[in-house]
Every structure is written in structure tokens, then in C-alpha cells.
Amino acid sequence: MDSLYKILVKVSRILNYIGMVALTFMMFLTVADVLMRAGGRPIIGTYEIVALSLALVVGFSIPSVSLDRAHVYMEIVLERLGPKGKAIMNTFTRILCIILFILIGYNLFSVGNEFKVSGEVSPTIKLPFYPVAYGVGVCAFIECFVFFFEIVKIWRDKHE
């Protein structure tokens, strides 16, 4: 089980690095477009590329952020519960999150299939949408594994 967790951590880190590269690329592209626009020669398709890159930034960073527990937590209810109650509540919320991310991943793959079949591309530079939908869908399923391992940690008393 621990070796699977280590693989999950490595995969999440790789996905996070992809998200970091996409964010850096977005920043440089936006700055270059602003400078070029000031010179009267804007970069064609900047808006489309930035929009697709943003999907990569958000989607690919979710598993790593969850593993690092970098999300904002509201623990008002949990503070009043005992250790067993906290474990039950944390497990329940993780199960709800697993269900949510399964639905998100499934729907992203469905949308990706529709984009692929219909040949949907961006209007200006004709970038296909389906690879981004598939990529973020994979990240949603990886997030389910993150929540599963959090449940395991909760019941092994290694949580938080």
C-alpha cells in the first residue's frame, strides 16, 4: 500500500510540474502579447492558448495540492467532535469528494469524446479541445486515489 502511495505522490508531482510549466508559459505568452500589441502586432490566438493552458494549470495541480493539504479547511464542526467523530466526518467528506471527482472525470471524458467526434477546435488557431478534457479528466480520477489514501491515513491514525 505504501508503494502505491509513493507512486501516487510521484505522479501528482509530475502533473503539478506540468501545471507549473503551463502557468509560466501563460505568463510569458500574455506579457509577449501585451508588448507585441503595443507595437501593433498582437500574437494570434493568445486568448485561446491561455484559456486551454488555464485548464491544465487548475486540473493538473489539484492532486498535488490535495496531497500537500494546501486547501482551505473549515474546522468549526470538527473542533467539537472527539477523535472518532472527526475520523467519521473526515471519511464521510472524502467519500463525497470521491463521488464528486468520479462524476467530474466521467463527464470530462464524455465531453472529450464529443469534442473528438465532432472535431471541435478553437476558432482562431484550430487547437483541438479533447486532449485538454481528457487530461483534466485523468487528473480528476487521480484525485479520487488521493482521497482514498486520505481515508486510509485517517483510519491508521496518520492523518493531520
Protein backbone atom coordinates (compact mmCIF):
# COMPACT_ATOMS: atom_id res chain seq x y z
CA MET A 1 0.00 0.00 0.00
CA ASP A 2 2.84 2.37 0.82
CA SER A 3 4.50 1.76 -2.55
CA LEU A 4 1.23 2.67 -4.30
CA TYR A 5 1.10 5.85 -2.26
CA LYS A 6 4.65 6.72 -3.29
CA ILE A 7 3.70 6.21 -6.95
CA LEU A 8 0.67 8.46 -6.45
CA VAL A 9 2.89 11.16 -4.93
CA LYS A 10 5.34 10.96 -7.85
CA VAL A 11 2.57 11.10 -10.46
CA SER A 12 0.96 14.03 -8.66
CA ARG A 13 4.25 15.89 -8.55
CA ILE A 14 4.81 15.34 -12.29
CA LEU A 15 1.30 16.61 -13.03
CA ASN A 16 1.95 19.61 -10.79
CA TYR A 17 5.15 20.39 -12.70
CA ILE A 18 3.18 20.27 -15.95
CA GLY A 19 0.74 22.74 -14.39
CA MET A 20 3.64 24.97 -13.32
CA VAL A 21 5.09 24.94 -16.82
CA ALA A 22 1.67 25.79 -18.26
CA LEU A 23 1.32 28.70 -15.80
CA THR A 24 4.78 30.01 -16.64
CA PHE A 25 4.02 29.67 -20.35
CA MET A 26 0.74 31.58 -19.87
CA MET A 27 2.59 34.37 -18.09
CA PHE A 28 5.25 34.73 -20.79
CA LEU A 29 2.70 34.48 -23.59
CA THR A 30 0.49 37.16 -22.02
CA VAL A 31 3.42 39.52 -21.47
CA ALA A 32 4.68 38.92 -25.02
CA ASP A 33 1.19 39.54 -26.40
CA VAL A 34 0.85 42.81 -24.47
CA LEU A 35 4.24 44.00 -25.70
CA MET A 36 3.52 42.92 -29.27
CA ARG A 37 0.07 44.51 -29.11
CA ALA A 38 1.69 47.81 -28.10
CA GLY A 39 3.79 47.50 -31.24
CA GLY A 40 0.71 46.87 -33.35
CA ARG A 41 1.37 43.14 -33.95
CA PRO A 42 -0.54 41.02 -31.40
CA ILE A 43 0.05 37.29 -31.14
CA ILE A 44 -2.81 35.47 -32.86
CA GLY A 45 -4.70 33.00 -30.64
CA THR A 46 -3.33 34.18 -27.32
CA TYR A 47 -6.75 34.12 -25.68
CA GLU A 48 -7.38 30.52 -26.81
CA ILE A 49 -3.98 29.27 -25.73
CA VAL A 50 -4.26 30.94 -22.33
CA ALA A 51 -7.76 29.51 -21.79
CA LEU A 52 -6.64 25.95 -22.60
CA SER A 53 -3.48 26.39 -20.53
CA LEU A 54 -5.55 27.55 -17.58
CA ALA A 55 -7.48 24.29 -17.68
CA LEU A 56 -4.14 22.47 -17.46
CA VAL A 57 -2.95 24.66 -14.59
CA VAL A 58 -6.06 24.07 -12.50
CA GLY A 59 -6.69 20.44 -13.38
CA PHE A 60 -3.13 19.20 -13.17
CA SER A 61 -2.40 20.88 -9.83
CA ILE A 62 -5.41 19.53 -7.91
CA PRO A 63 -3.91 16.15 -6.86
CA SER A 64 -0.68 17.71 -5.63
CA VAL A 65 -2.48 20.45 -3.70
CA SER A 66 -4.67 17.82 -2.03
CA LEU A 67 -1.65 15.68 -1.11
CA ASP A 68 0.04 18.73 0.42
CA ARG A 69 -3.22 19.58 2.23
CA ALA A 70 -2.91 23.12 0.91
CA HIS A 71 -6.64 23.69 0.60
CA VAL A 72 -8.59 25.92 2.94
CA TYR A 73 -10.31 23.92 5.67
CA MET A 74 -13.30 24.91 7.77
CA GLU A 75 -12.97 23.01 11.03
CA ILE A 76 -15.69 24.68 13.08
CA VAL A 77 -17.73 21.47 13.32
CA LEU A 78 -14.72 19.17 13.67
CA GLU A 79 -13.38 21.08 16.68
CA ARG A 80 -16.40 19.98 18.72
CA LEU A 81 -16.07 16.30 17.85
CA GLY A 82 -13.94 13.66 19.52
CA PRO A 83 -11.26 11.69 17.65
CA LYS A 84 -13.72 9.01 16.46
CA GLY A 85 -16.25 11.63 15.35
CA LYS A 86 -13.53 13.53 13.47
CA ALA A 87 -12.48 10.32 11.71
CA ILE A 88 -16.06 9.55 10.71
CA MET A 89 -16.71 13.10 9.48
CA ASN A 90 -13.41 13.24 7.56
CA THR A 91 -14.13 9.86 5.98
CA PHE A 92 -17.62 10.93 5.00
CA THR A 93 -16.38 14.12 3.33
CA ARG A 94 -13.65 12.20 1.47
CA ILE A 95 -16.22 9.70 0.18
CA LEU A 96 -18.37 12.58 -1.06
CA CYS A 97 -15.31 14.05 -2.77
CA ILE A 98 -14.51 10.71 -4.42
CA ILE A 99 -18.05 10.55 -5.80
CA LEU A 100 -17.80 14.16 -6.99
CA PHE A 101 -14.47 13.63 -8.76
CA ILE A 102 -15.65 10.38 -10.35
CA LEU A 103 -18.56 12.35 -11.82
CA ILE A 104 -16.25 15.17 -12.91
CA GLY A 105 -13.80 12.75 -14.55
CA TYR A 106 -16.57 10.80 -16.26
CA ASN A 107 -18.15 13.97 -17.61
CA LEU A 108 -14.81 15.33 -18.81
CA PHE A 109 -14.19 12.12 -20.74
CA SER A 110 -17.72 12.30 -22.18
CA VAL A 111 -17.18 15.90 -23.26
CA GLY A 112 -13.74 14.97 -24.61
CA ASN A 113 -15.31 12.21 -26.69
CA GLU A 114 -17.90 14.66 -28.05
CA PHE A 115 -15.14 17.14 -28.92
CA LYS A 116 -13.14 14.43 -30.66
CA VAL A 117 -16.08 13.04 -32.65
CA SER A 118 -17.32 16.47 -33.68
CA GLY A 119 -13.83 17.77 -34.43
CA GLU A 120 -14.32 20.75 -32.10
CA VAL A 121 -11.36 23.12 -32.26
CA SER A 122 -10.60 26.64 -31.13
CA PRO A 123 -11.87 29.28 -33.57
CA THR A 124 -8.67 31.14 -34.42
CA ILE A 125 -5.76 28.73 -34.40
CA LYS A 126 -7.71 25.46 -34.58
CA LEU A 127 -6.38 23.80 -31.42
CA PRO A 128 -8.40 20.67 -30.54
CA PHE A 129 -10.21 20.73 -27.19
CA TYR A 130 -10.42 16.99 -26.50
CA PRO A 131 -6.82 16.42 -25.26
CA VAL A 132 -7.30 19.02 -22.54
CA ALA A 133 -10.62 17.48 -21.48
CA TYR A 134 -9.04 14.02 -21.35
CA GLY A 135 -6.01 15.30 -19.42
CA VAL A 136 -8.07 17.07 -16.78
CA GLY A 137 -10.37 14.02 -16.61
CA VAL A 138 -7.38 11.80 -15.81
CA CYS A 139 -6.38 14.25 -13.08
CA ALA A 140 -9.89 14.03 -11.61
CA PHE A 141 -9.57 10.25 -11.38
CA ILE A 142 -6.12 10.57 -9.80
CA GLU A 143 -7.70 12.91 -7.25
CA CYS A 144 -10.03 10.04 -6.29
CA PHE A 145 -6.97 7.98 -5.37
CA VAL A 146 -5.67 10.87 -3.27
CA PHE A 147 -8.93 10.88 -1.30
CA PHE A 148 -8.85 7.09 -0.97
CA PHE A 149 -5.36 7.24 0.55
CA GLU A 150 -6.51 10.04 2.87
CA ILE A 151 -9.25 7.74 4.15
CA VAL A 152 -6.64 5.05 4.76
CA LYS A 153 -4.49 7.58 6.66
CA ILE A 154 -7.48 8.69 8.73
CA TRP A 155 -8.13 5.16 9.97
CA ARG A 156 -4.43 4.40 10.51
CA ASP A 157 -4.23 7.50 12.76
CA LYS A 158 -1.68 9.13 10.43
CA HIS A 159 -3.98 11.94 9.32
CA GLU A 160 -3.01 15.55 10.02
